[in-house]
Amino acid sequence: MHPIYVSTYNFTPIHDITNMLQKIDIAVQVYDSNNLSHAFQKQPLPDIWIHIVSEQSLIKAGEEIYQIRQKIGNAVLLIACIPMFPEREAKSIMQCGASAIITPATWAVQDVGDRILGELLLRIPGLQTRLNDIHGGSPVMQKLYDNIVRFAKLEETILILGEAGAGKELVANAVHALSMHSQESFLPINCGCLGRETMVSTLFGHRRGAFTGAIEHNDGLFVAAGHGTIFLDEIGELPYEAQPHLLRVIEEKRVLPLGSTQYVNVPARLVLATNRNLEELCSLGQFRSDLYERIRGFSILVYPLRERKADIPMLTQHFVNEFNAQYKKQHTVPSYCIDRLFRYHWPGNIRELRNVVRRAAAYADDEKSPISVPHLYASISQAAKLLRSGNLISFDPSIDTWADVQERLKKAYFTKLLEYAENDKTKAAALAEISRSQLYEILKLIRKD
């Protein structure tokens, strides 16, 4: 494939953007207003040309796209990276020659780079965007893949760190699939779902008569795993009294069942995971420091979705394909819907995104209709909903007019918006999908009250 061209007339940090793209081996050539004419003369032209228009001007955006299209012809995929415009106005930029439109959440370098990279990951074949059942091609995912491949071949116990919903079990599955244990069973165990009173005997086994109710022998799950892989999830929930047993499994590859005087070998590979800060638990006396020191050496960090937003487009497409097959539908997700997903912070990570797409696909109007912004917004978790208890607007319909309520809502919204944007007016205007001048006019009005 020919190099990707990224051009701009006025976006100063253009080279910072291209440095982000080159971290995953995308060949990029940069052209700004000083050498854009040189780009038109190069042959062959690229397969993909991305033009960044950072000014909040529909006319300017249309003019720039039109000029480039006239120079490069119709064979090149021309993607316009533009500010947020109303959908009906953005269509006029398509009429000027854009093949597709993308809109970053803000004009900060990271947001622009993530949105462009996300579009390229979706469109460029041959990039490493998957390992086993893990999907993603961002720089942090490339690092994750390297660590999985490196550690999978070892017999060491691996510790996977990451927030809930980030995909820790998928990583454990990938480690198993690439290990010498791949032909054996994969046994996932969630410590948070095991009864505290019976956890030790459930995991490590017991002998008949070891305690009240122990009417027969039980080898425990560690022995039952055989030569496969044991995935012990949420080890931060493992009771303190069970932790010495786990340490023995790691160091000696054997367990001493309750009520027994003979050790039993544990040949299985052990993979651990947690979303808790184990170092902090050690300082609180809730996790053994010797166990923590033993398992921390081979750790893999799974980044939250908010730190790998470039993966959102391909993850969304992957989930849409999954649920299209399940629901016998043919939905698509337009770029403007993907744009909106970049603006959310995704506290539930990949799991939350998958559930959002599931609900949107299920409730979309017909079998072939595109998934719309309302479909996605209606599916966003409670954390993203605007109607929280602290954001409710009080009114009395017997005395308040609609105009009165609108004014209160406007004041509450823009006060919260500035707080969220840390008083950055440019960011606040972009989030509200208005111009900076409109924002200043609104702020003047609400501050008079």
Protein backbone atom coordinates (compact mmCIF):
# COMPACT_ATOMS: atom_id res chain seq x y z
CA MET A 1 0.00 0.00 0.00
CA HIS A 2 1.19 3.53 -0.77
CA PRO A 3 1.94 5.88 2.15
CA ILE A 4 -0.95 7.71 3.81
CA TYR A 5 -0.95 11.46 3.17
CA VAL A 6 -1.99 13.76 6.02
CA SER A 7 -2.39 17.42 5.05
CA THR A 8 -3.49 20.66 6.63
CA TYR A 9 -3.44 24.38 6.03
CA ASN A 10 -3.63 25.54 9.61
CA PHE A 11 -3.37 22.72 12.18
CA THR A 12 -0.07 23.48 13.94
CA PRO A 13 0.63 20.18 15.76
CA ILE A 14 0.38 18.13 12.55
CA HIS A 15 3.74 16.42 13.14
CA ASP A 16 2.63 15.29 16.62
CA ILE A 17 -0.31 13.55 14.96
CA THR A 18 1.84 11.75 12.42
CA ASN A 19 4.27 10.63 15.14
CA MET A 20 1.31 8.89 16.81
CA LEU A 21 0.41 7.13 13.56
CA GLN A 22 3.94 5.94 12.93
CA LYS A 23 4.01 4.09 16.27
CA ILE A 24 2.05 1.27 14.64
CA ASP A 25 4.07 1.23 11.41
CA ILE A 26 1.68 3.23 9.26
CA ALA A 27 3.73 4.94 6.55
CA VAL A 28 2.71 8.59 6.71
CA GLN A 29 3.78 11.63 4.72
CA VAL A 30 2.89 15.07 6.06
CA TYR A 31 2.05 18.12 3.99
CA ASP A 32 1.11 21.54 5.29
CA SER A 33 0.31 24.83 3.58
CA ASN A 34 3.97 25.38 2.69
CA ASN A 35 4.41 22.21 0.64
CA LEU A 36 0.91 21.07 -0.24
CA SER A 37 1.48 21.82 -3.94
CA HIS A 38 4.41 19.40 -3.86
CA ALA A 39 2.09 16.63 -2.62
CA PHE A 40 -0.17 17.06 -5.66
CA GLN A 41 2.77 16.46 -7.99
CA LYS A 42 3.96 13.19 -6.42
CA GLN A 43 3.19 9.98 -8.24
CA PRO A 44 1.71 7.59 -7.51
CA LEU A 45 -0.76 9.30 -5.24
CA PRO A 46 -1.71 7.60 -1.95
CA ASP A 47 -4.69 5.31 -1.54
CA ILE A 48 -5.84 7.38 1.47
CA TRP A 49 -5.53 11.14 1.95
CA ILE A 50 -6.60 12.71 5.25
CA HIS A 51 -7.09 16.47 5.37
CA ILE A 52 -7.38 18.23 8.73
CA VAL A 53 -9.52 21.38 8.79
CA SER A 54 -9.38 22.84 12.29
CA GLU A 55 -11.27 26.12 11.74
CA GLN A 56 -14.92 26.32 12.80
CA SER A 57 -15.93 27.39 9.29
CA LEU A 58 -18.11 25.27 7.05
CA ILE A 59 -17.20 27.34 4.00
CA LYS A 60 -13.48 27.04 4.68
CA ALA A 61 -13.74 23.28 5.17
CA GLY A 62 -15.66 22.88 1.92
CA GLU A 63 -13.20 25.03 -0.03
CA GLU A 64 -10.16 23.09 1.16
CA ILE A 65 -11.70 19.70 0.41
CA TYR A 66 -12.85 20.87 -3.02
CA GLN A 67 -9.37 22.17 -3.94
CA ILE A 68 -7.70 18.90 -2.93
CA ARG A 69 -10.24 16.76 -4.78
CA GLN A 70 -9.74 18.76 -7.93
CA LYS A 71 -5.99 18.15 -7.77
CA ILE A 72 -5.98 14.43 -6.94
CA GLY A 73 -8.92 13.10 -8.94
CA ASN A 74 -11.52 10.61 -7.83
CA ALA A 75 -9.42 7.48 -7.21
CA VAL A 76 -8.04 8.55 -3.81
CA LEU A 77 -10.06 8.02 -0.62
CA LEU A 78 -10.25 11.57 0.77
CA ILE A 79 -11.17 11.70 4.47
CA ALA A 80 -12.05 15.09 5.92
CA CYS A 81 -11.18 15.60 9.59
CA ILE A 82 -13.39 18.54 10.50
CA PRO A 83 -15.05 20.28 13.47
CA MET A 84 -18.51 19.14 14.54
CA PHE A 85 -21.16 20.55 12.22
CA PRO A 86 -24.88 19.76 12.11
CA GLU A 87 -25.41 16.68 9.95
CA ARG A 88 -27.20 18.57 7.17
CA GLU A 89 -24.28 21.02 6.89
CA ALA A 90 -21.63 18.32 7.02
CA LYS A 91 -23.25 16.72 3.97
CA SER A 92 -22.22 19.76 1.92
CA ILE A 93 -18.57 18.89 2.62
CA MET A 94 -19.22 15.46 1.14
CA GLN A 95 -20.60 17.20 -1.92
CA CYS A 96 -17.32 19.13 -2.16
CA GLY A 97 -15.44 15.87 -2.68
CA ALA A 98 -14.92 14.18 0.68
CA SER A 99 -15.20 10.38 0.67
CA ALA A 100 -15.84 10.31 4.42
CA ILE A 101 -15.98 12.71 7.36
CA ILE A 102 -14.58 12.23 10.86
CA THR A 103 -14.86 14.63 13.79
CA PRO A 104 -12.54 14.45 16.82
CA ALA A 105 -13.97 14.93 20.31
CA THR A 106 -11.83 18.07 20.74
CA TRP A 107 -8.91 19.64 18.88
CA ALA A 108 -6.37 18.48 21.44
CA VAL A 109 -3.56 16.52 19.79
CA GLN A 110 -4.50 13.25 21.49
CA ASP A 111 -8.16 13.47 20.47
CA VAL A 112 -7.36 14.34 16.84
CA GLY A 113 -4.73 11.62 16.64
CA ASP A 114 -7.02 8.99 18.20
CA ARG A 115 -9.86 9.77 15.77
CA ILE A 116 -7.62 9.65 12.69
CA LEU A 117 -5.83 6.51 13.85
CA GLY A 118 -9.16 4.86 14.63
CA GLU A 119 -10.36 5.47 11.08
CA LEU A 120 -7.14 4.10 9.57
CA LEU A 121 -7.21 0.97 11.72
CA LEU A 122 -10.66 0.32 10.30
CA ARG A 123 -9.62 0.88 6.69
CA ILE A 124 -6.02 -0.35 6.26
CA PRO A 125 -5.68 -4.10 5.71
CA GLY A 126 -2.67 -5.99 7.01
CA LEU A 127 -2.18 -4.20 10.34
CA GLN A 128 -2.06 -6.30 13.50
CA THR A 129 -5.44 -5.52 14.97
CA ARG A 130 -6.21 -8.86 16.61
CA LEU A 131 -4.62 -11.54 18.78
CA ASN A 132 -6.75 -14.59 19.50
CA ASP A 133 -10.11 -13.04 20.55
CA ILE A 134 -8.62 -9.65 21.50
CA HIS A 135 -9.33 -6.79 19.10
CA GLY A 136 -7.44 -3.50 18.85
CA GLY A 137 -4.57 -1.95 16.94
CA SER A 138 -3.60 1.11 18.99
CA PRO A 139 0.00 1.48 20.25
CA VAL A 140 -0.89 0.22 23.74
CA MET A 141 -2.51 -2.84 22.18
CA GLN A 142 0.63 -3.58 20.17
CA LYS A 143 2.55 -3.50 23.45
CA LEU A 144 -0.04 -5.79 25.04
CA TYR A 145 0.28 -8.30 22.20
CA ASP A 146 4.06 -8.31 22.57
CA ASN A 147 3.79 -9.05 26.30
CA ILE A 148 1.24 -11.83 25.77
CA VAL A 149 3.40 -13.57 23.16
CA ARG A 150 6.53 -13.16 25.30
CA PHE A 151 5.02 -14.44 28.57
CA ALA A 152 2.83 -17.17 27.08
CA LYS A 153 5.85 -19.35 26.28
CA LEU A 154 7.09 -19.20 29.87
CA GLU A 155 5.89 -21.43 32.70
CA GLU A 156 5.83 -18.49 35.11
CA THR A 157 2.68 -17.38 36.91
CA ILE A 158 1.32 -14.28 35.16
CA LEU A 159 -0.54 -11.41 36.82
CA ILE A 160 -2.99 -9.47 34.64
CA LEU A 161 -3.89 -5.99 35.88
CA GLY A 162 -6.78 -3.90 34.62
CA GLU A 163 -10.15 -2.34 35.34
CA ALA A 164 -13.41 -4.28 35.30
CA GLY A 165 -14.59 -4.86 31.74
CA ALA A 166 -11.20 -4.14 30.16
CA GLY A 167 -10.78 -7.71 28.85
CA LYS A 168 -8.55 -9.47 31.39
CA GLU A 169 -10.13 -12.88 30.73
CA LEU A 170 -9.57 -12.45 26.98
CA VAL A 171 -5.89 -11.83 27.73
CA ALA A 172 -5.77 -14.94 29.92
CA ASN A 173 -7.36 -16.95 27.11
CA ALA A 174 -4.75 -15.64 24.66
CA VAL A 175 -1.94 -16.60 27.05
CA HIS A 176 -3.40 -20.10 27.26
CA ALA A 177 -3.87 -20.40 23.49
CA LEU A 178 -0.21 -19.49 22.84
CA SER A 179 1.24 -21.61 25.64
CA MET A 180 2.39 -25.23 25.84
CA HIS A 181 -0.92 -25.92 27.65
CA SER A 182 -3.08 -24.86 24.68
CA GLN A 183 -4.35 -28.38 23.97
CA GLU A 184 -5.51 -28.77 27.58
CA SER A 185 -8.48 -27.19 29.35
CA PHE A 186 -8.81 -23.52 30.33
CA LEU A 187 -10.47 -23.23 33.76
CA PRO A 188 -11.65 -19.71 34.77
CA ILE A 189 -12.38 -19.17 38.48
CA ASN A 190 -13.70 -15.90 39.91
CA CYS A 191 -12.68 -15.51 43.56
CA GLY A 192 -15.46 -12.99 44.13
CA CYS A 193 -18.07 -15.64 43.28
CA LEU A 194 -16.79 -18.31 45.67
CA GLY A 195 -18.16 -18.60 49.19
CA ARG A 196 -15.66 -17.26 51.72
CA GLU A 197 -16.27 -20.13 54.12
CA THR A 198 -15.69 -22.85 51.53
CA MET A 199 -13.16 -21.12 49.26
CA VAL A 200 -10.07 -22.93 50.58
CA SER A 201 -11.61 -26.39 50.22
CA THR A 202 -13.15 -25.50 46.82
CA LEU A 203 -9.82 -24.37 45.39
CA PHE A 204 -7.32 -26.60 47.17
CA GLY A 205 -9.42 -29.64 48.13
CA HIS A 206 -10.24 -31.49 51.34
CA ARG A 207 -10.46 -34.99 52.73
CA ARG A 208 -13.52 -36.65 54.19
CA GLY A 209 -14.04 -35.58 57.77
CA ALA A 210 -11.79 -32.50 57.49
CA PHE A 211 -14.68 -30.34 58.69
CA THR A 212 -18.40 -30.60 59.37
CA GLY A 213 -20.13 -31.50 56.12
CA ALA A 214 -17.02 -32.96 54.44
CA ILE A 215 -18.63 -36.32 53.73
CA GLU A 216 -16.36 -37.26 50.83
CA HIS A 217 -12.99 -36.44 49.27
CA ASN A 218 -12.71 -33.37 47.03
CA ASP A 219 -9.53 -32.78 45.01
CA GLY A 220 -10.30 -29.08 44.50
CA LEU A 221 -10.27 -26.99 41.33
CA PHE A 222 -6.49 -26.63 41.14
CA VAL A 223 -6.02 -30.37 40.86
CA ALA A 224 -9.10 -30.72 38.62
CA ALA A 225 -7.46 -28.39 36.05
CA GLY A 226 -4.95 -31.12 35.25
CA HIS A 227 -2.27 -29.91 32.81
CA GLY A 228 -4.38 -27.02 31.55
CA THR A 229 -4.47 -23.35 32.57
CA ILE A 230 -6.14 -22.04 35.73
CA PHE A 231 -7.35 -18.45 35.43
CA LEU A 232 -7.89 -17.11 38.95
CA ASP A 233 -9.74 -13.84 38.51
CA GLU A 234 -10.10 -11.10 41.15
CA ILE A 235 -7.38 -12.47 43.44
CA GLY A 236 -7.73 -9.28 45.46
CA GLU A 237 -10.90 -10.92 46.84
CA LEU A 238 -8.97 -14.03 47.97
CA PRO A 239 -9.27 -14.32 51.80
CA TYR A 240 -6.05 -13.81 53.74
CA GLU A 241 -6.17 -17.35 55.14
CA ALA A 242 -6.31 -18.81 51.60
CA GLN A 243 -3.30 -16.86 50.33
CA PRO A 244 -0.59 -19.17 51.83
CA HIS A 245 -2.15 -22.06 49.91
CA LEU A 246 -1.91 -20.06 46.68
CA LEU A 247 1.71 -19.16 47.40
CA ARG A 248 2.52 -22.87 47.83
CA VAL A 249 0.90 -23.66 44.47
CA ILE A 250 3.00 -20.97 42.78
CA GLU A 251 6.31 -21.86 44.41
CA GLU A 252 6.02 -25.64 44.79
CA LYS A 253 3.36 -26.62 42.21
CA ARG A 254 1.49 -28.62 44.86
CA VAL A 255 -1.32 -28.28 47.44
CA LEU A 256 -2.08 -29.77 50.83
CA PRO A 257 -5.84 -30.53 50.92
CA LEU A 258 -7.61 -29.78 54.19
CA GLY A 259 -7.45 -32.80 56.50
CA SER A 260 -4.64 -34.46 54.53
CA THR A 261 -1.01 -35.15 55.40
CA GLN A 262 0.05 -35.71 51.79
CA TYR A 263 0.71 -33.08 49.16
CA VAL A 264 -0.91 -33.33 45.73
CA ASN A 265 0.90 -32.07 42.61
CA VAL A 266 -0.60 -29.22 40.59
CA PRO A 267 0.81 -29.35 37.02
CA ALA A 268 -1.49 -26.61 35.66
CA ARG A 269 -0.31 -23.21 34.42
CA LEU A 270 -1.54 -20.37 36.66
CA VAL A 271 -2.75 -16.98 35.41
CA LEU A 272 -4.02 -14.42 37.94
CA ALA A 273 -5.95 -11.19 37.49
CA THR A 274 -7.25 -8.31 39.57
CA ASN A 275 -8.76 -4.85 39.18
CA ARG A 276 -7.60 -3.84 42.67
CA ASN A 277 -4.39 -2.20 43.86
CA LEU A 278 -2.58 -5.13 45.48
CA GLU A 279 0.18 -2.92 46.86
CA GLU A 280 -2.43 -0.88 48.71
CA LEU A 281 -4.09 -4.07 49.98
CA CYS A 282 -0.69 -5.18 51.33
CA SER A 283 -0.32 -1.94 53.27
CA LEU A 284 -3.80 -2.49 54.74
CA GLY A 285 -2.88 -6.03 55.81
CA GLN A 286 -5.42 -7.60 53.45
CA PHE A 287 -2.96 -9.17 51.01
CA ARG A 288 0.27 -10.99 51.85
CA SER A 289 3.35 -9.05 50.82
CA ASP A 290 5.33 -12.25 50.13
CA LEU A 291 2.61 -13.42 47.73
CA TYR A 292 2.51 -10.01 46.04
CA GLU A 293 6.29 -9.94 45.57
CA ARG A 294 6.16 -13.43 44.07
CA ILE A 295 3.51 -12.65 41.44
CA ARG A 296 4.35 -9.07 40.46
CA GLY A 297 7.39 -9.96 38.34
CA PHE A 298 5.46 -11.14 35.27
CA SER A 299 2.57 -8.71 35.02
CA ILE A 300 0.54 -7.56 32.02
CA LEU A 301 -1.38 -4.28 32.10
CA VAL A 302 -4.65 -4.12 30.16
CA TYR A 303 -5.36 -0.46 29.47
CA PRO A 304 -8.88 0.96 29.94
CA LEU A 305 -10.81 1.92 26.82
CA ARG A 306 -10.49 5.64 27.57
CA GLU A 307 -6.72 5.27 27.08
CA ARG A 308 -7.05 3.39 23.77
CA LYS A 309 -9.91 5.25 22.09
CA ALA A 310 -8.37 4.72 18.66
CA ASP A 311 -9.70 1.15 18.93
CA ILE A 312 -13.34 2.29 19.25
CA PRO A 313 -14.23 2.19 15.50
CA MET A 314 -12.94 -1.33 14.89
CA LEU A 315 -14.35 -2.63 18.19
CA THR A 316 -17.72 -1.12 17.32
CA GLN A 317 -17.64 -2.69 13.87
CA HIS A 318 -16.64 -6.03 15.37
CA PHE A 319 -19.58 -5.95 17.79
CA VAL A 320 -22.01 -4.80 15.08
CA ASN A 321 -20.96 -7.76 12.94
CA GLU A 322 -21.39 -10.08 15.92
CA PHE A 323 -24.92 -8.91 16.70
CA ASN A 324 -25.95 -8.65 13.04
CA ALA A 325 -25.20 -12.36 12.80
CA GLN A 326 -27.03 -13.07 16.05
CA TYR A 327 -30.13 -10.97 15.26
CA LYS A 328 -30.18 -11.73 11.49
CA LYS A 329 -29.79 -8.04 10.64
CA GLN A 330 -27.54 -5.91 8.41
CA HIS A 331 -26.97 -2.75 10.45
CA THR A 332 -24.11 -0.35 9.83
CA VAL A 333 -22.66 2.41 12.02
CA PRO A 334 -22.09 5.76 10.27
CA SER A 335 -18.94 7.77 11.03
CA TYR A 336 -20.87 10.50 12.85
CA CYS A 337 -22.11 7.88 15.33
CA ILE A 338 -18.55 6.66 15.87
CA ASP A 339 -17.56 10.31 16.50
CA ARG A 340 -19.97 10.50 19.41
CA LEU A 341 -18.55 7.34 20.99
CA PHE A 342 -15.17 9.09 21.26
CA ARG A 343 -16.72 11.69 23.54
CA TYR A 344 -17.73 9.25 26.25
CA HIS A 345 -15.30 8.12 28.97
CA TRP A 346 -16.41 4.42 29.06
CA PRO A 347 -16.17 3.56 32.77
CA GLY A 348 -17.30 0.01 31.95
CA ASN A 349 -14.64 -0.36 29.24
CA ILE A 350 -14.97 -2.94 26.44
CA ARG A 351 -17.80 -4.76 28.19
CA GLU A 352 -19.84 -1.56 28.32
CA LEU A 353 -19.18 -0.75 24.64
CA ARG A 354 -20.26 -4.26 23.64
CA ASN A 355 -23.49 -3.94 25.66
CA VAL A 356 -24.20 -0.51 24.16
CA VAL A 357 -23.83 -1.88 20.63
CA ARG A 358 -25.91 -4.95 21.53
CA ARG A 359 -28.85 -2.84 22.70
CA ALA A 360 -28.54 -0.39 19.80
CA ALA A 361 -28.51 -3.26 17.28
CA ALA A 362 -31.49 -4.90 18.94
CA TYR A 363 -33.61 -1.73 18.98
CA ALA A 364 -32.66 -0.28 15.58
CA ASP A 365 -35.79 0.28 13.52
CA ASP A 366 -35.46 -2.31 10.77
CA GLU A 367 -33.10 -5.03 9.58
CA LYS A 368 -30.95 -2.83 7.29
CA SER A 369 -31.14 0.64 8.85
CA PRO A 370 -27.95 2.34 10.09
CA ILE A 371 -27.58 2.50 13.85
CA SER A 372 -28.27 6.12 14.81
CA VAL A 373 -27.00 8.45 17.50
CA PRO A 374 -30.31 8.14 19.44
CA HIS A 375 -29.97 4.34 19.33
CA LEU A 376 -26.50 4.58 20.86
CA TYR A 377 -27.35 7.30 23.35
CA ALA A 378 -30.39 5.36 24.55
CA SER A 379 -28.06 2.44 25.20
CA ILE A 380 -25.32 4.27 27.09
CA SER A 381 -24.98 3.19 30.73
CA GLN A 382 -26.37 5.15 33.67
CA ALA A 383 -22.97 6.79 34.16
CA ALA A 384 -23.44 8.68 30.89
CA LYS A 385 -27.04 9.74 31.25
CA LEU A 386 -27.73 13.42 31.70
CA LEU A 387 -30.68 12.91 34.04
CA ARG A 388 -28.79 12.28 37.25
CA SER A 389 -30.11 13.39 40.60
CA GLY A 390 -27.67 16.29 40.75
CA ASN A 391 -28.68 17.55 37.30
CA LEU A 392 -32.46 17.64 37.68
CA ILE A 393 -34.12 21.01 37.04
CA SER A 394 -36.91 21.90 39.45
CA PHE A 395 -39.98 23.71 38.16
CA ASP A 396 -43.62 24.37 38.99
CA PRO A 397 -45.85 24.13 35.88
CA SER A 398 -48.47 26.33 37.54
CA ILE A 399 -46.17 29.37 37.52
CA ASP A 400 -43.10 28.56 35.37
CA THR A 401 -43.14 29.07 31.62
CA TRP A 402 -41.19 26.90 29.18
CA ALA A 403 -38.80 29.81 28.69
CA ASP A 404 -38.15 29.92 32.46
CA VAL A 405 -37.25 26.22 32.53
CA GLN A 406 -35.05 26.53 29.44
CA GLU A 407 -33.04 29.31 31.07
CA ARG A 408 -32.47 27.25 34.21
CA LEU A 409 -31.45 24.26 32.11
CA LYS A 410 -29.06 26.36 30.02
CA LYS A 411 -27.39 27.77 33.11
CA ALA A 412 -27.04 24.35 34.76
CA TYR A 413 -25.72 22.74 31.57
CA PHE A 414 -23.07 25.33 30.75
CA THR A 415 -21.94 25.61 34.36
CA LYS A 416 -21.38 21.84 34.46
CA LEU A 417 -19.85 21.90 30.98
CA LEU A 418 -17.18 24.45 31.93
CA GLU A 419 -16.46 22.51 35.09
CA TYR A 420 -15.97 19.31 33.06
CA ALA A 421 -13.80 21.11 30.47
CA GLU A 422 -11.68 22.63 33.28
CA ASN A 423 -12.70 26.10 32.03
CA ASP A 424 -11.17 25.41 28.59
CA LYS A 425 -13.54 27.40 26.35
CA THR A 426 -12.37 25.72 23.14
CA LYS A 427 -12.96 22.26 24.55
CA ALA A 428 -16.32 23.31 26.04
CA ALA A 429 -17.51 24.71 22.70
CA ALA A 430 -16.50 21.51 20.91
CA LEU A 431 -18.33 19.35 23.46
CA ALA A 432 -21.47 21.49 23.12
CA GLU A 433 -21.16 21.43 19.31
CA ILE A 434 -21.26 25.23 19.07
CA SER A 435 -18.73 27.87 18.05
CA ARG A 436 -16.56 29.71 20.57
CA SER A 437 -18.40 32.95 19.80
CA GLN A 438 -21.74 31.29 20.56
CA LEU A 439 -20.33 29.97 23.82
CA TYR A 440 -19.12 33.43 24.87
CA GLU A 441 -22.55 34.94 24.14
CA ILE A 442 -24.28 32.29 26.24
CA LEU A 443 -21.82 32.74 29.11
CA LYS A 444 -22.44 36.50 29.07
CA LEU A 445 -26.17 35.93 29.42
CA ILE A 446 -26.10 33.31 32.18
CA ARG A 447 -23.54 35.28 34.22
CA LYS A 448 -25.83 38.31 34.30
CA ASP A 449 -28.30 36.36 36.43
